[in-house]
Amino acid sequence: MIVDERMVTYIRSLERPENPVIEAIEQEALENFVPIIRKETQSFLKVMMLMNRPAKVLEVGTAVGFSAILMSEYLPEGSRITTIENYEKRIPIARNNFKRAGKEEQITLIEGDALEVMKTLEGPYDFIFMDAAKGQYIHYMPEAVRLLADGGILMSDNVLQDGDIIESRFAVERRNRTIHSRMRDYLYELKHSNVLETSIIPLGDGVALSIKKKKEEKENR
């Protein structure tokens, strides 16, 4: 945990419940050990939807559809979400959850490898939510930047790896070392990009919030 556990518990205690369908989908995901965004990250994502008011959203990593449904509740009327998932067992669950929430028309799920799917998409997207295989973020980044509108937001979740990101790679379990080094590369690239301005926030399991600079802002750097 990257923030004091008592503080996290207190912050979570302040949350208001969502509508019953979203609450049910969240509970089912937790019971089945499906990774979904943490309560405090949910709140942050909702605020981002209301602040940014994106017309087109791309989500990389659907899982069972929880975060896509959550975002859809806070989007302006007429907004659309495209979400990508490669894990076959979760795809029918996500589709059923979209139906349960009455979101089939608003949310489009594309099956397949995220990077290959992203290469076929045409932007621009106003908001991209990155919540897929953590070791692949560095590979998704060029396509995410290409697809993002000038002034658009890229939100990357789970970037601090329960605090392991600050450890030496030799202090991390051998099976996690590749992900660890790739995530460190990803965060470095975000912070040193000429195209993006990024803040890394110790929220949930770490959020990187990036905005794509407008043309005139890029030229002035």
C-alpha atoms as a PDB file:
ATOM      1  CA  MET A   1       0.000   0.000   0.000  1.00  0.00           C
ATOM      2  CA  ILE A   2       1.440   3.362  -1.036  1.00  0.00           C
ATOM      3  CA  VAL A   3      -0.650   5.494   1.345  1.00  0.00           C
ATOM      4  CA  ASP A   4      -1.220   4.961   5.074  1.00  0.00           C
ATOM      5  CA  GLU A   5      -3.902   2.284   5.477  1.00  0.00           C
ATOM      6  CA  ARG A   6      -5.849   4.253   8.087  1.00  0.00           C
ATOM      7  CA  MET A   7      -6.019   7.250   5.763  1.00  0.00           C
ATOM      8  CA  VAL A   8      -7.269   5.083   2.899  1.00  0.00           C
ATOM      9  CA  THR A   9      -9.915   3.524   5.152  1.00  0.00           C
ATOM     10  CA  TYR A  10     -11.089   6.966   6.240  1.00  0.00           C
ATOM     11  CA  ILE A  11     -11.293   8.288   2.663  1.00  0.00           C
ATOM     12  CA  ARG A  12     -13.221   5.223   1.560  1.00  0.00           C
ATOM     13  CA  SER A  13     -15.641   5.642   4.462  1.00  0.00           C
ATOM     14  CA  LEU A  14     -16.763   8.961   2.980  1.00  0.00           C
ATOM     15  CA  GLU A  15     -17.883   7.448  -0.325  1.00  0.00           C
ATOM     16  CA  ARG A  16     -21.521   7.461  -1.360  1.00  0.00           C
ATOM     17  CA  PRO A  17     -22.974   4.349  -3.009  1.00  0.00           C
ATOM     18  CA  GLU A  18     -23.482   4.192  -6.770  1.00  0.00           C
ATOM     19  CA  ASN A  19     -26.653   2.900  -8.376  1.00  0.00           C
ATOM     20  CA  PRO A  20     -27.546  -0.709  -7.426  1.00  0.00           C
ATOM     21  CA  VAL A  21     -26.357  -2.247 -10.713  1.00  0.00           C
ATOM     22  CA  ILE A  22     -22.879  -0.719 -10.420  1.00  0.00           C
ATOM     23  CA  GLU A  23     -22.684  -1.731  -6.760  1.00  0.00           C
ATOM     24  CA  ALA A  24     -23.672  -5.306  -7.674  1.00  0.00           C
ATOM     25  CA  ILE A  25     -21.109  -5.548 -10.489  1.00  0.00           C
ATOM     26  CA  GLU A  26     -18.388  -4.264  -8.167  1.00  0.00           C
ATOM     27  CA  GLN A  27     -19.272  -6.786  -5.471  1.00  0.00           C
ATOM     28  CA  GLU A  28     -19.331  -9.660  -7.982  1.00  0.00           C
ATOM     29  CA  ALA A  29     -15.923  -8.636  -9.307  1.00  0.00           C
ATOM     30  CA  LEU A  30     -14.431  -8.542  -5.816  1.00  0.00           C
ATOM     31  CA  GLU A  31     -15.923 -11.929  -4.919  1.00  0.00           C
ATOM     32  CA  ASN A  32     -14.433 -13.452  -8.078  1.00  0.00           C
ATOM     33  CA  PHE A  33     -11.030 -11.787  -7.579  1.00  0.00           C
ATOM     34  CA  VAL A  34     -11.355  -9.700 -10.732  1.00  0.00           C
ATOM     35  CA  PRO A  35      -9.108  -6.632 -10.425  1.00  0.00           C
ATOM     36  CA  ILE A  36     -11.134  -3.423 -10.626  1.00  0.00           C
ATOM     37  CA  ILE A  37     -10.258   0.164  -9.796  1.00  0.00           C
ATOM     38  CA  ARG A  38     -10.092   0.993  -6.098  1.00  0.00           C
ATOM     39  CA  LYS A  39     -12.695   3.155  -4.381  1.00  0.00           C
ATOM     40  CA  GLU A  40     -10.528   6.269  -4.181  1.00  0.00           C
ATOM     41  CA  THR A  41      -9.525   5.860  -7.841  1.00  0.00           C
ATOM     42  CA  GLN A  42     -13.178   5.551  -8.760  1.00  0.00           C
ATOM     43  CA  SER A  43     -13.855   8.946  -7.190  1.00  0.00           C
ATOM     44  CA  PHE A  44     -10.931  10.486  -9.047  1.00  0.00           C
ATOM     45  CA  LEU A  45     -12.124   9.015 -12.336  1.00  0.00           C
ATOM     46  CA  LYS A  46     -15.635  10.374 -11.795  1.00  0.00           C
ATOM     47  CA  VAL A  47     -14.284  13.862 -11.128  1.00  0.00           C
ATOM     48  CA  MET A  48     -12.149  13.633 -14.285  1.00  0.00           C
ATOM     49  CA  MET A  49     -15.232  12.769 -16.337  1.00  0.00           C
ATOM     50  CA  LEU A  50     -17.133  15.737 -14.958  1.00  0.00           C
ATOM     51  CA  MET A  51     -14.195  18.142 -15.376  1.00  0.00           C
ATOM     52  CA  ASN A  52     -13.069  16.986 -18.813  1.00  0.00           C
ATOM     53  CA  ARG A  53     -16.545  16.193 -20.214  1.00  0.00           C
ATOM     54  CA  PRO A  54     -15.106  13.972 -22.957  1.00  0.00           C
ATOM     55  CA  ALA A  55     -17.207  13.154 -26.002  1.00  0.00           C
ATOM     56  CA  LYS A  56     -15.035  10.169 -26.956  1.00  0.00           C
ATOM     57  CA  VAL A  57     -13.391   7.874 -24.403  1.00  0.00           C
ATOM     58  CA  LEU A  58     -11.014   4.981 -25.048  1.00  0.00           C
ATOM     59  CA  GLU A  59     -10.445   2.400 -22.326  1.00  0.00           C
ATOM     60  CA  VAL A  60      -7.553  -0.041 -22.661  1.00  0.00           C
ATOM     61  CA  GLY A  61      -8.523  -3.042 -20.534  1.00  0.00           C
ATOM     62  CA  THR A  62     -12.224  -3.783 -19.992  1.00  0.00           C
ATOM     63  CA  ALA A  63     -12.098  -6.681 -17.509  1.00  0.00           C
ATOM     64  CA  VAL A  64     -15.784  -7.146 -16.585  1.00  0.00           C
ATOM     65  CA  GLY A  65     -16.815  -3.656 -17.694  1.00  0.00           C
ATOM     66  CA  PHE A  66     -16.993  -2.013 -14.270  1.00  0.00           C
ATOM     67  CA  SER A  67     -14.934   1.109 -14.958  1.00  0.00           C
ATOM     68  CA  ALA A  68     -16.508   1.668 -18.382  1.00  0.00           C
ATOM     69  CA  ILE A  69     -19.975   1.594 -16.828  1.00  0.00           C
ATOM     70  CA  LEU A  70     -18.834   3.869 -14.008  1.00  0.00           C
ATOM     71  CA  MET A  71     -17.412   6.409 -16.479  1.00  0.00           C
ATOM     72  CA  SER A  72     -20.581   6.306 -18.573  1.00  0.00           C
ATOM     73  CA  GLU A  73     -22.629   7.485 -15.595  1.00  0.00           C
ATOM     74  CA  TYR A  74     -20.658  10.743 -15.445  1.00  0.00           C
ATOM     75  CA  LEU A  75     -20.272  11.543 -19.143  1.00  0.00           C
ATOM     76  CA  PRO A  76     -22.212  14.206 -21.049  1.00  0.00           C
ATOM     77  CA  GLU A  77     -25.204  13.058 -23.061  1.00  0.00           C
ATOM     78  CA  GLY A  78     -24.154  11.640 -26.408  1.00  0.00           C
ATOM     79  CA  SER A  79     -20.666  10.633 -25.287  1.00  0.00           C
ATOM     80  CA  ARG A  80     -19.281   7.275 -26.397  1.00  0.00           C
ATOM     81  CA  ILE A  81     -16.840   4.795 -24.862  1.00  0.00           C
ATOM     82  CA  THR A  82     -14.716   2.308 -26.796  1.00  0.00           C
ATOM     83  CA  THR A  83     -13.138  -0.376 -24.626  1.00  0.00           C
ATOM     84  CA  ILE A  84     -10.666  -3.142 -25.518  1.00  0.00           C
ATOM     85  CA  GLU A  85     -10.339  -6.569 -23.913  1.00  0.00           C
ATOM     86  CA  ASN A  86      -8.313  -9.653 -24.867  1.00  0.00           C
ATOM     87  CA  TYR A  87      -9.215 -12.129 -22.090  1.00  0.00           C
ATOM     88  CA  GLU A  88     -11.892 -14.359 -23.611  1.00  0.00           C
ATOM     89  CA  LYS A  89     -13.438 -15.467 -20.319  1.00  0.00           C
ATOM     90  CA  ARG A  90     -14.212 -11.889 -19.267  1.00  0.00           C
ATOM     91  CA  ILE A  91     -15.605 -10.608 -22.562  1.00  0.00           C
ATOM     92  CA  PRO A  92     -19.087 -12.221 -22.277  1.00  0.00           C
ATOM     93  CA  ILE A  93     -19.299 -11.095 -18.634  1.00  0.00           C
ATOM     94  CA  ALA A  94     -18.501  -7.510 -19.660  1.00  0.00           C
ATOM     95  CA  ARG A  95     -21.078  -7.598 -22.465  1.00  0.00           C
ATOM     96  CA  ASN A  96     -23.713  -8.910 -20.076  1.00  0.00           C
ATOM     97  CA  ASN A  97     -22.838  -6.207 -17.548  1.00  0.00           C
ATOM     98  CA  PHE A  98     -23.210  -3.505 -20.210  1.00  0.00           C
ATOM     99  CA  LYS A  99     -26.652  -4.923 -20.945  1.00  0.00           C
ATOM    100  CA  ARG A 100     -27.579  -5.044 -17.245  1.00  0.00           C
ATOM    101  CA  ALA A 101     -26.611  -1.387 -16.910  1.00  0.00           C
ATOM    102  CA  GLY A 102     -28.455  -0.391 -20.101  1.00  0.00           C
ATOM    103  CA  LYS A 103     -25.202   0.803 -21.690  1.00  0.00           C
ATOM    104  CA  GLU A 104     -24.970  -1.409 -24.819  1.00  0.00           C
ATOM    105  CA  GLU A 105     -25.516   1.561 -27.125  1.00  0.00           C
ATOM    106  CA  GLN A 106     -23.041   3.841 -25.374  1.00  0.00           C
ATOM    107  CA  ILE A 107     -20.173   1.387 -24.825  1.00  0.00           C
ATOM    108  CA  THR A 108     -18.504  -0.506 -27.687  1.00  0.00           C
ATOM    109  CA  LEU A 109     -16.316  -3.458 -26.722  1.00  0.00           C
ATOM    110  CA  ILE A 110     -13.618  -4.508 -29.179  1.00  0.00           C
ATOM    111  CA  GLU A 111     -12.077  -7.945 -28.692  1.00  0.00           C
ATOM    112  CA  GLY A 112      -8.379  -8.498 -29.310  1.00  0.00           C
ATOM    113  CA  ASP A 113      -4.830  -7.587 -28.410  1.00  0.00           C
ATOM    114  CA  ALA A 114      -4.877  -3.998 -27.194  1.00  0.00           C
ATOM    115  CA  LEU A 115      -1.864  -2.818 -29.174  1.00  0.00           C
ATOM    116  CA  GLU A 116      -3.092  -4.350 -32.417  1.00  0.00           C
ATOM    117  CA  VAL A 117      -6.572  -2.915 -31.904  1.00  0.00           C
ATOM    118  CA  MET A 118      -5.208   0.534 -31.065  1.00  0.00           C
ATOM    119  CA  LYS A 119      -3.279   0.568 -34.339  1.00  0.00           C
ATOM    120  CA  THR A 120      -6.566   0.194 -36.236  1.00  0.00           C
ATOM    121  CA  LEU A 121      -8.390   2.990 -34.402  1.00  0.00           C
ATOM    122  CA  GLU A 122      -8.734   6.571 -35.532  1.00  0.00           C
ATOM    123  CA  GLY A 123      -8.889   9.348 -32.989  1.00  0.00           C
ATOM    124  CA  PRO A 124      -8.988  11.739 -31.623  1.00  0.00           C
ATOM    125  CA  TYR A 125     -10.161  10.624 -28.201  1.00  0.00           C
ATOM    126  CA  ASP A 126     -10.703  13.210 -25.503  1.00  0.00           C
ATOM    127  CA  PHE A 127      -9.892  10.810 -22.673  1.00  0.00           C
ATOM    128  CA  ILE A 128      -7.945   7.539 -22.579  1.00  0.00           C
ATOM    129  CA  PHE A 129      -8.048   5.294 -19.525  1.00  0.00           C
ATOM    130  CA  MET A 130      -5.141   2.843 -19.400  1.00  0.00           C
ATOM    131  CA  ASP A 131      -5.875  -0.138 -17.160  1.00  0.00           C
ATOM    132  CA  ALA A 132      -4.549  -3.237 -18.905  1.00  0.00           C
ATOM    133  CA  ALA A 133      -1.383  -5.353 -18.668  1.00  0.00           C
ATOM    134  CA  LYS A 134       1.038  -3.148 -16.729  1.00  0.00           C
ATOM    135  CA  GLY A 135       4.101  -4.447 -18.548  1.00  0.00           C
ATOM    136  CA  GLN A 136       2.610  -3.323 -21.856  1.00  0.00           C
ATOM    137  CA  TYR A 137       1.967   0.345 -20.991  1.00  0.00           C
ATOM    138  CA  ILE A 138       5.309   1.369 -22.481  1.00  0.00           C
ATOM    139  CA  HIS A 139       4.311  -0.323 -25.760  1.00  0.00           C
ATOM    140  CA  TYR A 140       0.827   1.204 -25.771  1.00  0.00           C
ATOM    141  CA  MET A 141       2.148   4.716 -25.195  1.00  0.00           C
ATOM    142  CA  PRO A 142       2.936   5.742 -28.823  1.00  0.00           C
ATOM    143  CA  GLU A 143      -0.525   4.695 -29.976  1.00  0.00           C
ATOM    144  CA  ALA A 144      -2.182   6.358 -26.997  1.00  0.00           C
ATOM    145  CA  VAL A 145      -0.393   9.622 -27.805  1.00  0.00           C
ATOM    146  CA  ARG A 146      -1.375   9.329 -31.479  1.00  0.00           C
ATOM    147  CA  LEU A 147      -5.017   8.721 -30.626  1.00  0.00           C
ATOM    148  CA  LEU A 148      -5.274  11.439 -27.972  1.00  0.00           C
ATOM    149  CA  ALA A 149      -6.706  14.820 -28.937  1.00  0.00           C
ATOM    150  CA  ASP A 150      -4.674  17.961 -28.257  1.00  0.00           C
ATOM    151  CA  GLY A 151      -5.677  18.935 -24.746  1.00  0.00           C
ATOM    152  CA  GLY A 152      -6.914  15.388 -24.138  1.00  0.00           C
ATOM    153  CA  ILE A 153      -6.240  13.392 -20.968  1.00  0.00           C
ATOM    154  CA  LEU A 154      -4.435  10.084 -20.553  1.00  0.00           C
ATOM    155  CA  MET A 155      -5.045   8.457 -17.173  1.00  0.00           C
ATOM    156  CA  SER A 156      -2.855   5.422 -16.390  1.00  0.00           C
ATOM    157  CA  ASP A 157      -3.820   3.311 -13.387  1.00  0.00           C
ATOM    158  CA  ASN A 158      -1.742   1.039 -11.109  1.00  0.00           C
ATOM    159  CA  VAL A 159       1.580   2.668 -11.941  1.00  0.00           C
ATOM    160  CA  LEU A 160       3.232   2.429  -8.501  1.00  0.00           C
ATOM    161  CA  GLN A 161       2.796  -1.322  -8.043  1.00  0.00           C
ATOM    162  CA  ASP A 162       1.952  -1.282  -4.336  1.00  0.00           C
ATOM    163  CA  GLY A 163       5.114   0.707  -3.697  1.00  0.00           C
ATOM    164  CA  ASP A 164       7.458  -1.755  -5.397  1.00  0.00           C
ATOM    165  CA  ILE A 165       8.224   0.817  -8.089  1.00  0.00           C
ATOM    166  CA  ILE A 166      10.733   2.561  -5.789  1.00  0.00           C
ATOM    167  CA  GLU A 167      12.597  -0.655  -5.011  1.00  0.00           C
ATOM    168  CA  SER A 168      15.675  -1.952  -6.797  1.00  0.00           C
ATOM    169  CA  ARG A 169      14.754  -4.535  -9.429  1.00  0.00           C
ATOM    170  CA  PHE A 170      16.727  -7.059  -7.361  1.00  0.00           C
ATOM    171  CA  ALA A 171      14.448  -6.431  -4.379  1.00  0.00           C
ATOM    172  CA  VAL A 172      11.403  -7.313  -6.479  1.00  0.00           C
ATOM    173  CA  GLU A 173      10.299 -10.924  -6.982  1.00  0.00           C
ATOM    174  CA  ARG A 174      11.971 -12.384 -10.060  1.00  0.00           C
ATOM    175  CA  ARG A 175       8.626 -12.969 -11.813  1.00  0.00           C
ATOM    176  CA  ASN A 176       7.773  -9.249 -11.451  1.00  0.00           C
ATOM    177  CA  ARG A 177      11.075  -7.774 -12.588  1.00  0.00           C
ATOM    178  CA  THR A 178      10.148  -7.274 -16.247  1.00  0.00           C
ATOM    179  CA  ILE A 179       6.927  -5.457 -15.314  1.00  0.00           C
ATOM    180  CA  HIS A 180       8.840  -3.419 -12.727  1.00  0.00           C
ATOM    181  CA  SER A 181      11.481  -2.229 -15.211  1.00  0.00           C
ATOM    182  CA  ARG A 182       8.948  -1.542 -17.953  1.00  0.00           C
ATOM    183  CA  MET A 183       6.755   0.514 -15.626  1.00  0.00           C
ATOM    184  CA  ARG A 184       9.745   2.564 -14.534  1.00  0.00           C
ATOM    185  CA  ASP A 185      10.540   3.139 -18.230  1.00  0.00           C
ATOM    186  CA  TYR A 186       6.919   4.140 -18.841  1.00  0.00           C
ATOM    187  CA  LEU A 187       6.872   6.687 -16.035  1.00  0.00           C
ATOM    188  CA  TYR A 188      10.195   8.123 -17.195  1.00  0.00           C
ATOM    189  CA  GLU A 189       8.879   8.489 -20.755  1.00  0.00           C
ATOM    190  CA  LEU A 190       5.682  10.157 -19.520  1.00  0.00           C
ATOM    191  CA  LYS A 191       7.610  12.672 -17.440  1.00  0.00           C
ATOM    192  CA  HIS A 192      10.162  13.432 -20.173  1.00  0.00           C
ATOM    193  CA  SER A 193       7.767  13.591 -23.118  1.00  0.00           C
ATOM    194  CA  ASN A 194       7.706  16.738 -25.245  1.00  0.00           C
ATOM    195  CA  VAL A 195       4.072  16.021 -26.068  1.00  0.00           C
ATOM    196  CA  LEU A 196       2.626  15.204 -22.637  1.00  0.00           C
ATOM    197  CA  GLU A 197       2.648  16.966 -19.285  1.00  0.00           C
ATOM    198  CA  THR A 198       2.275  14.400 -16.494  1.00  0.00           C
ATOM    199  CA  SER A 199       1.604  14.288 -12.768  1.00  0.00           C
ATOM    200  CA  ILE A 200       2.150  11.033 -10.853  1.00  0.00           C
ATOM    201  CA  ILE A 201      -0.250  10.768  -7.936  1.00  0.00           C
ATOM    202  CA  PRO A 202       0.008   8.311  -4.996  1.00  0.00           C
ATOM    203  CA  LEU A 203      -3.694   7.478  -5.190  1.00  0.00           C
ATOM    204  CA  GLY A 204      -5.047   3.932  -5.077  1.00  0.00           C
ATOM    205  CA  ASP A 205      -2.175   1.957  -6.568  1.00  0.00           C
ATOM    206  CA  GLY A 206      -0.756   5.031  -8.274  1.00  0.00           C
ATOM    207  CA  VAL A 207      -2.217   7.155 -11.061  1.00  0.00           C
ATOM    208  CA  ALA A 208      -0.329   8.956 -13.798  1.00  0.00           C
ATOM    209  CA  LEU A 209      -2.393  11.820 -15.194  1.00  0.00           C
ATOM    210  CA  SER A 210      -1.142  13.239 -18.492  1.00  0.00           C
ATOM    211  CA  ILE A 211      -2.436  15.988 -20.743  1.00  0.00           C
ATOM    212  CA  LYS A 212      -1.471  16.211 -24.399  1.00  0.00           C
ATOM    213  CA  LYS A 213      -0.110  19.651 -25.096  1.00  0.00           C
ATOM    214  CA  LYS A 214      -1.678  21.767 -27.781  1.00  0.00           C
ATOM    215  CA  LYS A 215       0.425  22.620 -30.818  1.00  0.00           C
ATOM    216  CA  GLU A 216       1.385  26.093 -29.644  1.00  0.00           C
ATOM    217  CA  GLU A 217       2.409  24.738 -26.227  1.00  0.00           C
ATOM    218  CA  LYS A 218       4.691  22.137 -27.827  1.00  0.00           C
ATOM    219  CA  GLU A 219       6.347  24.793 -29.973  1.00  0.00           C
ATOM    220  CA  ASN A 220       7.094  26.955 -26.934  1.00  0.00           C
ATOM    221  CA  ARG A 221       9.060  24.187 -25.145  1.00  0.00           C
END
